[in-house]
Amino acid sequence: MADLHIDDTTKQTLESLAAVAGLPLPDYVAQLAAEKEREQALAVGAAAFRRVTGDPATAVAFDAEFGAPHPSATRAA
């Protein structure tokens, strides 16, 4: 994390969140990054599914079960 430059407020927020999670800050940031990668992969997959099926009823059922994709996923896929 020596090469990562963030403002003091953000650093304090991350340190507080890491403390609540019981993790050192570098481990917490690594966990956060991994979670965001998974979320993005799921969002991209959901957007691809939507393009492939083209069936509005299937998309509604999918969203009910798994949640709608984040708007950024439609640009990434």
PDB file of N, CA and C in Angstrom:
ATOM      1  N   MET A   1       0.815  -1.198   0.000  1.00  0.00           N
ATOM      2  CA  MET A   1       0.000   0.000   0.000  1.00  0.00           C
ATOM      3  C   MET A   1       0.854   1.256   0.000  1.00  0.00           C
ATOM      4  N   ALA A   2       2.136   1.113  -0.019  1.00  0.00           N
ATOM      5  CA  ALA A   2       3.017   2.276   0.013  1.00  0.00           C
ATOM      6  C   ALA A   2       2.810   3.165  -1.213  1.00  0.00           C
ATOM      7  N   ASP A   3       2.398   2.610  -2.343  1.00  0.00           N
ATOM      8  CA  ASP A   3       2.222   3.388  -3.560  1.00  0.00           C
ATOM      9  C   ASP A   3       0.818   3.963  -3.708  1.00  0.00           C
ATOM     10  N   LEU A   4      -0.064   3.645  -2.801  1.00  0.00           N
ATOM     11  CA  LEU A   4      -1.442   4.107  -2.870  1.00  0.00           C
ATOM     12  C   LEU A   4      -1.571   5.413  -2.098  1.00  0.00           C
ATOM     13  N   HIS A   5      -2.044   6.449  -2.766  1.00  0.00           N
ATOM     14  CA  HIS A   5      -2.202   7.754  -2.130  1.00  0.00           C
ATOM     15  C   HIS A   5      -3.686   8.090  -2.065  1.00  0.00           C
ATOM     16  N   ILE A   6      -4.196   8.242  -0.845  1.00  0.00           N
ATOM     17  CA  ILE A   6      -5.597   8.597  -0.640  1.00  0.00           C
ATOM     18  C   ILE A   6      -5.673   9.733   0.377  1.00  0.00           C
ATOM     19  N   ASP A   7      -6.774  10.451   0.334  1.00  0.00           N
ATOM     20  CA  ASP A   7      -6.918  11.559   1.269  1.00  0.00           C
ATOM     21  C   ASP A   7      -7.093  11.031   2.697  1.00  0.00           C
ATOM     22  N   ASP A   8      -6.825  11.890   3.666  1.00  0.00           N
ATOM     23  CA  ASP A   8      -6.855  11.488   5.071  1.00  0.00           C
ATOM     24  C   ASP A   8      -8.228  10.990   5.508  1.00  0.00           C
ATOM     25  N   THR A   9      -9.277  11.617   5.036  1.00  0.00           N
ATOM     26  CA  THR A   9     -10.629  11.206   5.429  1.00  0.00           C
ATOM     27  C   THR A   9     -10.926   9.787   4.959  1.00  0.00           C
ATOM     28  N   THR A  10     -10.582   9.496   3.718  1.00  0.00           N
ATOM     29  CA  THR A  10     -10.809   8.155   3.187  1.00  0.00           C
ATOM     30  C   THR A  10      -9.957   7.141   3.934  1.00  0.00           C
ATOM     31  N   LYS A  11      -8.719   7.497   4.225  1.00  0.00           N
ATOM     32  CA  LYS A  11      -7.842   6.588   4.970  1.00  0.00           C
ATOM     33  C   LYS A  11      -8.418   6.289   6.342  1.00  0.00           C
ATOM     34  N   GLN A  12      -8.900   7.302   7.025  1.00  0.00           N
ATOM     35  CA  GLN A  12      -9.492   7.097   8.353  1.00  0.00           C
ATOM     36  C   GLN A  12     -10.728   6.211   8.273  1.00  0.00           C
ATOM     37  N   THR A  13     -11.531   6.419   7.241  1.00  0.00           N
ATOM     38  CA  THR A  13     -12.722   5.586   7.055  1.00  0.00           C
ATOM     39  C   THR A  13     -12.328   4.137   6.838  1.00  0.00           C
ATOM     40  N   LEU A  14     -11.358   3.904   5.966  1.00  0.00           N
ATOM     41  CA  LEU A  14     -10.901   2.540   5.702  1.00  0.00           C
ATOM     42  C   LEU A  14     -10.292   1.905   6.946  1.00  0.00           C
ATOM     43  N   GLU A  15      -9.536   2.679   7.702  1.00  0.00           N
ATOM     44  CA  GLU A  15      -8.948   2.148   8.933  1.00  0.00           C
ATOM     45  C   GLU A  15     -10.036   1.763   9.941  1.00  0.00           C
ATOM     46  N   SER A  16     -11.073   2.586  10.037  1.00  0.00           N
ATOM     47  CA  SER A  16     -12.184   2.273  10.947  1.00  0.00           C
ATOM     48  C   SER A  16     -12.914   1.010  10.504  1.00  0.00           C
ATOM     49  N   LEU A  17     -13.173   0.904   9.214  1.00  0.00           N
ATOM     50  CA  LEU A  17     -13.854  -0.283   8.694  1.00  0.00           C
ATOM     51  C   LEU A  17     -12.994  -1.536   8.902  1.00  0.00           C
ATOM     52  N   ALA A  18     -11.701  -1.402   8.686  1.00  0.00           N
ATOM     53  CA  ALA A  18     -10.788  -2.534   8.892  1.00  0.00           C
ATOM     54  C   ALA A  18     -10.783  -2.955  10.357  1.00  0.00           C
ATOM     55  N   ALA A  19     -10.788  -1.988  11.246  1.00  0.00           N
ATOM     56  CA  ALA A  19     -10.786  -2.300  12.676  1.00  0.00           C
ATOM     57  C   ALA A  19     -12.054  -3.043  13.076  1.00  0.00           C
ATOM     58  N   VAL A  20     -13.194  -2.595  12.562  1.00  0.00           N
ATOM     59  CA  VAL A  20     -14.458  -3.270  12.864  1.00  0.00           C
ATOM     60  C   VAL A  20     -14.435  -4.702  12.339  1.00  0.00           C
ATOM     61  N   ALA A  21     -13.815  -4.889  11.170  1.00  0.00           N
ATOM     62  CA  ALA A  21     -13.711  -6.227  10.579  1.00  0.00           C
ATOM     63  C   ALA A  21     -12.631  -7.070  11.259  1.00  0.00           C
ATOM     64  N   GLY A  22     -11.825  -6.442  12.114  1.00  0.00           N
ATOM     65  CA  GLY A  22     -10.756  -7.173  12.794  1.00  0.00           C
ATOM     66  C   GLY A  22      -9.596  -7.520  11.887  1.00  0.00           C
ATOM     67  N   LEU A  23      -9.357  -6.666  10.898  1.00  0.00           N
ATOM     68  CA  LEU A  23      -8.293  -6.935   9.928  1.00  0.00           C
ATOM     69  C   LEU A  23      -7.308  -5.778   9.868  1.00  0.00           C
ATOM     70  N   PRO A  24      -6.057  -6.078   9.534  1.00  0.00           N
ATOM     71  CA  PRO A  24      -5.121  -4.991   9.240  1.00  0.00           C
ATOM     72  C   PRO A  24      -5.598  -4.290   7.951  1.00  0.00           C
ATOM     73  N   LEU A  25      -5.286  -3.018   7.834  1.00  0.00           N
ATOM     74  CA  LEU A  25      -5.751  -2.248   6.680  1.00  0.00           C
ATOM     75  C   LEU A  25      -5.395  -2.894   5.338  1.00  0.00           C
ATOM     76  N   PRO A  26      -4.156  -3.351   5.105  1.00  0.00           N
ATOM     77  CA  PRO A  26      -3.858  -3.971   3.802  1.00  0.00           C
ATOM     78  C   PRO A  26      -4.736  -5.189   3.507  1.00  0.00           C
ATOM     79  N   ASP A  27      -5.007  -6.004   4.522  1.00  0.00           N
ATOM     80  CA  ASP A  27      -5.867  -7.175   4.322  1.00  0.00           C
ATOM     81  C   ASP A  27      -7.307  -6.757   4.028  1.00  0.00           C
ATOM     82  N   TYR A  28      -7.763  -5.719   4.705  1.00  0.00           N
ATOM     83  CA  TYR A  28      -9.127  -5.241   4.481  1.00  0.00           C
ATOM     84  C   TYR A  28      -9.275  -4.708   3.053  1.00  0.00           C
ATOM     85  N   VAL A  29      -8.298  -3.931   2.607  1.00  0.00           N
ATOM     86  CA  VAL A  29      -8.352  -3.378   1.249  1.00  0.00           C
ATOM     87  C   VAL A  29      -8.306  -4.510   0.219  1.00  0.00           C
ATOM     88  N   ALA A  30      -7.494  -5.525   0.463  1.00  0.00           N
ATOM     89  CA  ALA A  30      -7.433  -6.675  -0.451  1.00  0.00           C
ATOM     90  C   ALA A  30      -8.780  -7.390  -0.495  1.00  0.00           C
ATOM     91  N   GLN A  31      -9.412  -7.557   0.667  1.00  0.00           N
ATOM     92  CA  GLN A  31     -10.728  -8.202   0.720  1.00  0.00           C
ATOM     93  C   GLN A  31     -11.769  -7.355  -0.010  1.00  0.00           C
ATOM     94  N   LEU A  32     -11.719  -6.053   0.196  1.00  0.00           N
ATOM     95  CA  LEU A  32     -12.641  -5.144  -0.475  1.00  0.00           C
ATOM     96  C   LEU A  32     -12.479  -5.221  -1.995  1.00  0.00           C
ATOM     97  N   ALA A  33     -11.245  -5.250  -2.467  1.00  0.00           N
ATOM     98  CA  ALA A  33     -10.983  -5.350  -3.905  1.00  0.00           C
ATOM     99  C   ALA A  33     -11.516  -6.662  -4.469  1.00  0.00           C
ATOM    100  N   ALA A  34     -11.313  -7.755  -3.748  1.00  0.00           N
ATOM    101  CA  ALA A  34     -11.810  -9.054  -4.205  1.00  0.00           C
ATOM    102  C   ALA A  34     -13.336  -9.065  -4.268  1.00  0.00           C
ATOM    103  N   GLU A  35     -13.979  -8.469  -3.276  1.00  0.00           N
ATOM    104  CA  GLU A  35     -15.446  -8.392  -3.285  1.00  0.00           C
ATOM    105  C   GLU A  35     -15.941  -7.582  -4.473  1.00  0.00           C
ATOM    106  N   LYS A  36     -15.290  -6.472  -4.761  1.00  0.00           N
ATOM    107  CA  LYS A  36     -15.695  -5.634  -5.890  1.00  0.00           C
ATOM    108  C   LYS A  36     -15.462  -6.358  -7.219  1.00  0.00           C
ATOM    109  N   GLU A  37     -14.391  -7.134  -7.309  1.00  0.00           N
ATOM    110  CA  GLU A  37     -14.160  -7.924  -8.530  1.00  0.00           C
ATOM    111  C   GLU A  37     -15.279  -8.945  -8.725  1.00  0.00           C
ATOM    112  N   ARG A  38     -15.683  -9.611  -7.643  1.00  0.00           N
ATOM    113  CA  ARG A  38     -16.786 -10.581  -7.743  1.00  0.00           C
ATOM    114  C   ARG A  38     -18.081  -9.893  -8.149  1.00  0.00           C
ATOM    115  N   GLU A  39     -18.367  -8.752  -7.532  1.00  0.00           N
ATOM    116  CA  GLU A  39     -19.586  -8.018  -7.879  1.00  0.00           C
ATOM    117  C   GLU A  39     -19.587  -7.633  -9.360  1.00  0.00           C
ATOM    118  N   GLN A  40     -18.448  -7.148  -9.845  1.00  0.00           N
ATOM    119  CA  GLN A  40     -18.359  -6.750 -11.252  1.00  0.00           C
ATOM    120  C   GLN A  40     -18.541  -7.957 -12.177  1.00  0.00           C
ATOM    121  N   ALA A  41     -17.924  -9.081 -11.830  1.00  0.00           N
ATOM    122  CA  ALA A  41     -18.064 -10.285 -12.646  1.00  0.00           C
ATOM    123  C   ALA A  41     -19.522 -10.747 -12.687  1.00  0.00           C
ATOM    124  N   LEU A  42     -20.188 -10.704 -11.555  1.00  0.00           N
ATOM    125  CA  LEU A  42     -21.606 -11.088 -11.516  1.00  0.00           C
ATOM    126  C   LEU A  42     -22.458 -10.123 -12.336  1.00  0.00           C
ATOM    127  N   ALA A  43     -22.154  -8.834 -12.244  1.00  0.00           N
ATOM    128  CA  ALA A  43     -22.918  -7.844 -13.006  1.00  0.00           C
ATOM    129  C   ALA A  43     -22.716  -8.027 -14.507  1.00  0.00           C
ATOM    130  N   VAL A  44     -21.482  -8.299 -14.914  1.00  0.00           N
ATOM    131  CA  VAL A  44     -21.199  -8.534 -16.337  1.00  0.00           C
ATOM    132  C   VAL A  44     -21.923  -9.793 -16.809  1.00  0.00           C
ATOM    133  N   GLY A  45     -21.893 -10.838 -15.995  1.00  0.00           N
ATOM    134  CA  GLY A  45     -22.597 -12.073 -16.341  1.00  0.00           C
ATOM    135  C   GLY A  45     -24.095 -11.862 -16.452  1.00  0.00           C
ATOM    136  N   ALA A  46     -24.666 -11.088 -15.547  1.00  0.00           N
ATOM    137  CA  ALA A  46     -26.105 -10.806 -15.593  1.00  0.00           C
ATOM    138  C   ALA A  46     -26.458 -10.023 -16.852  1.00  0.00           C
ATOM    139  N   ALA A  47     -25.625  -9.055 -17.208  1.00  0.00           N
ATOM    140  CA  ALA A  47     -25.884  -8.279 -18.427  1.00  0.00           C
ATOM    141  C   ALA A  47     -25.789  -9.171 -19.668  1.00  0.00           C
ATOM    142  N   ALA A  48     -24.813 -10.063 -19.708  1.00  0.00           N
ATOM    143  CA  ALA A  48     -24.674 -10.989 -20.840  1.00  0.00           C
ATOM    144  C   ALA A  48     -25.880 -11.921 -20.915  1.00  0.00           C
ATOM    145  N   PHE A  49     -26.311 -12.411 -19.772  1.00  0.00           N
ATOM    146  CA  PHE A  49     -27.500 -13.266 -19.718  1.00  0.00           C
ATOM    147  C   PHE A  49     -28.707 -12.539 -20.315  1.00  0.00           C
ATOM    148  N   ARG A  50     -28.858 -11.284 -19.941  1.00  0.00           N
ATOM    149  CA  ARG A  50     -29.978 -10.477 -20.421  1.00  0.00           C
ATOM    150  C   ARG A  50     -29.926 -10.314 -21.942  1.00  0.00           C
ATOM    151  N   ARG A  51     -28.728 -10.072 -22.475  1.00  0.00           N
ATOM    152  CA  ARG A  51     -28.593  -9.935 -23.931  1.00  0.00           C
ATOM    153  C   ARG A  51     -28.920 -11.242 -24.639  1.00  0.00           C
ATOM    154  N   VAL A  52     -28.499 -12.349 -24.041  1.00  0.00           N
ATOM    155  CA  VAL A  52     -28.689 -13.658 -24.675  1.00  0.00           C
ATOM    156  C   VAL A  52     -30.156 -14.075 -24.646  1.00  0.00           C
ATOM    157  N   THR A  53     -30.819 -13.894 -23.537  1.00  0.00           N
ATOM    158  CA  THR A  53     -32.196 -14.382 -23.423  1.00  0.00           C
ATOM    159  C   THR A  53     -33.177 -13.503 -24.167  1.00  0.00           C
ATOM    160  N   GLY A  54     -33.048 -12.189 -24.009  1.00  0.00           N
ATOM    161  CA  GLY A  54     -33.970 -11.283 -24.677  1.00  0.00           C
ATOM    162  C   GLY A  54     -35.412 -11.452 -24.232  1.00  0.00           C
ATOM    163  N   ASP A  55     -35.672 -12.259 -23.234  1.00  0.00           N
ATOM    164  CA  ASP A  55     -37.034 -12.516 -22.758  1.00  0.00           C
ATOM    165  C   ASP A  55     -37.275 -11.694 -21.493  1.00  0.00           C
ATOM    166  N   PRO A  56     -38.146 -10.679 -21.566  1.00  0.00           N
ATOM    167  CA  PRO A  56     -38.373  -9.817 -20.408  1.00  0.00           C
ATOM    168  C   PRO A  56     -38.817 -10.589 -19.157  1.00  0.00           C
ATOM    169  N   ALA A  57     -39.638 -11.603 -19.298  1.00  0.00           N
ATOM    170  CA  ALA A  57     -40.106 -12.368 -18.141  1.00  0.00           C
ATOM    171  C   ALA A  57     -38.947 -13.114 -17.482  1.00  0.00           C
ATOM    172  N   THR A  58     -38.029 -13.630 -18.281  1.00  0.00           N
ATOM    173  CA  THR A  58     -36.863 -14.321 -17.732  1.00  0.00           C
ATOM    174  C   THR A  58     -35.975 -13.327 -17.000  1.00  0.00           C
ATOM    175  N   ALA A  59     -35.796 -12.148 -17.570  1.00  0.00           N
ATOM    176  CA  ALA A  59     -34.979 -11.129 -16.924  1.00  0.00           C
ATOM    177  C   ALA A  59     -35.589 -10.698 -15.587  1.00  0.00           C
ATOM    178  N   VAL A  60     -36.908 -10.540 -15.538  1.00  0.00           N
ATOM    179  CA  VAL A  60     -37.584 -10.167 -14.292  1.00  0.00           C
ATOM    180  C   VAL A  60     -37.387 -11.255 -13.240  1.00  0.00           C
ATOM    181  N   ALA A  61     -37.541 -12.510 -13.635  1.00  0.00           N
ATOM    182  CA  ALA A  61     -37.345 -13.620 -12.701  1.00  0.00           C
ATOM    183  C   ALA A  61     -35.893 -13.676 -12.225  1.00  0.00           C
ATOM    184  N   PHE A  62     -34.961 -13.446 -13.121  1.00  0.00           N
ATOM    185  CA  PHE A  62     -33.548 -13.433 -12.760  1.00  0.00           C
ATOM    186  C   PHE A  62     -33.259 -12.322 -11.757  1.00  0.00           C
ATOM    187  N   ASP A  63     -33.774 -11.109 -12.031  1.00  0.00           N
ATOM    188  CA  ASP A  63     -33.577  -9.992 -11.118  1.00  0.00           C
ATOM    189  C   ASP A  63     -34.179 -10.275  -9.746  1.00  0.00           C
ATOM    190  N   ALA A  64     -35.329 -10.920  -9.722  1.00  0.00           N
ATOM    191  CA  ALA A  64     -35.973 -11.238  -8.452  1.00  0.00           C
ATOM    192  C   ALA A  64     -35.104 -12.195  -7.631  1.00  0.00           C
ATOM    193  N   GLU A  65     -34.434 -13.094  -8.299  1.00  0.00           N
ATOM    194  CA  GLU A  65     -33.616 -14.083  -7.610  1.00  0.00           C
ATOM    195  C   GLU A  65     -32.220 -13.559  -7.257  1.00  0.00           C
ATOM    196  N   PHE A  66     -31.593 -12.825  -8.179  1.00  0.00           N
ATOM    197  CA  PHE A  66     -30.190 -12.452  -8.021  1.00  0.00           C
ATOM    198  C   PHE A  66     -29.926 -10.957  -7.969  1.00  0.00           C
ATOM    199  N   GLY A  67     -30.891 -10.136  -8.301  1.00  0.00           N
ATOM    200  CA  GLY A  67     -30.689  -8.683  -8.317  1.00  0.00           C
ATOM    201  C   GLY A  67     -30.304  -8.199  -9.709  1.00  0.00           C
ATOM    202  N   ALA A  68     -30.652  -6.966  -9.974  1.00  0.00           N
ATOM    203  CA  ALA A  68     -30.365  -6.369 -11.277  1.00  0.00           C
ATOM    204  C   ALA A  68     -28.880  -5.997 -11.379  1.00  0.00           C
ATOM    205  N   PRO A  69     -28.327  -5.981 -12.595  1.00  0.00           N
ATOM    206  CA  PRO A  69     -26.925  -5.617 -12.744  1.00  0.00           C
ATOM    207  C   PRO A  69     -26.719  -4.133 -12.489  1.00  0.00           C
ATOM    208  N   HIS A  70     -25.518  -3.794 -12.058  1.00  0.00           N
ATOM    209  CA  HIS A  70     -25.135  -2.408 -11.876  1.00  0.00           C
ATOM    210  C   HIS A  70     -25.034  -1.764 -13.264  1.00  0.00           C
ATOM    211  N   PRO A  71     -25.447  -0.498 -13.414  1.00  0.00           N
ATOM    212  CA  PRO A  71     -25.397   0.135 -14.740  1.00  0.00           C
ATOM    213  C   PRO A  71     -24.033   0.074 -15.415  1.00  0.00           C
ATOM    214  N   SER A  72     -22.946   0.060 -14.671  1.00  0.00           N
ATOM    215  CA  SER A  72     -21.625  -0.003 -15.294  1.00  0.00           C
ATOM    216  C   SER A  72     -21.383  -1.315 -16.010  1.00  0.00           C
ATOM    217  N   ALA A  73     -22.123  -2.361 -15.640  1.00  0.00           N
ATOM    218  CA  ALA A  73     -21.924  -3.685 -16.260  1.00  0.00           C
ATOM    219  C   ALA A  73     -22.334  -3.683 -17.711  1.00  0.00           C
ATOM    220  N   THR A  74     -23.304  -2.891 -18.074  1.00  0.00           N
ATOM    221  CA  THR A  74     -23.730  -2.881 -19.464  1.00  0.00           C
ATOM    222  C   THR A  74     -22.682  -2.217 -20.353  1.00  0.00           C
ATOM    223  N   ARG A  75     -21.854  -1.356 -19.785  1.00  0.00           N
ATOM    224  CA  ARG A  75     -20.767  -0.763 -20.559  1.00  0.00           C
ATOM    225  C   ARG A  75     -19.569  -1.703 -20.635  1.00  0.00           C
ATOM    226  N   ALA A  76     -19.365  -2.530 -19.585  1.00  0.00           N
ATOM    227  CA  ALA A  76     -18.183  -3.393 -19.521  1.00  0.00           C
ATOM    228  C   ALA A  76     -18.343  -4.656 -20.347  1.00  0.00           C
ATOM    229  N   ALA A  77     -19.573  -5.086 -20.547  1.00  0.00           N
ATOM    230  CA  ALA A  77     -19.801  -6.368 -21.229  1.00  0.00           C
ATOM    231  C   ALA A  77     -19.814  -6.221 -22.731  1.00  0.00           C
TER     232      ALA A  77
END
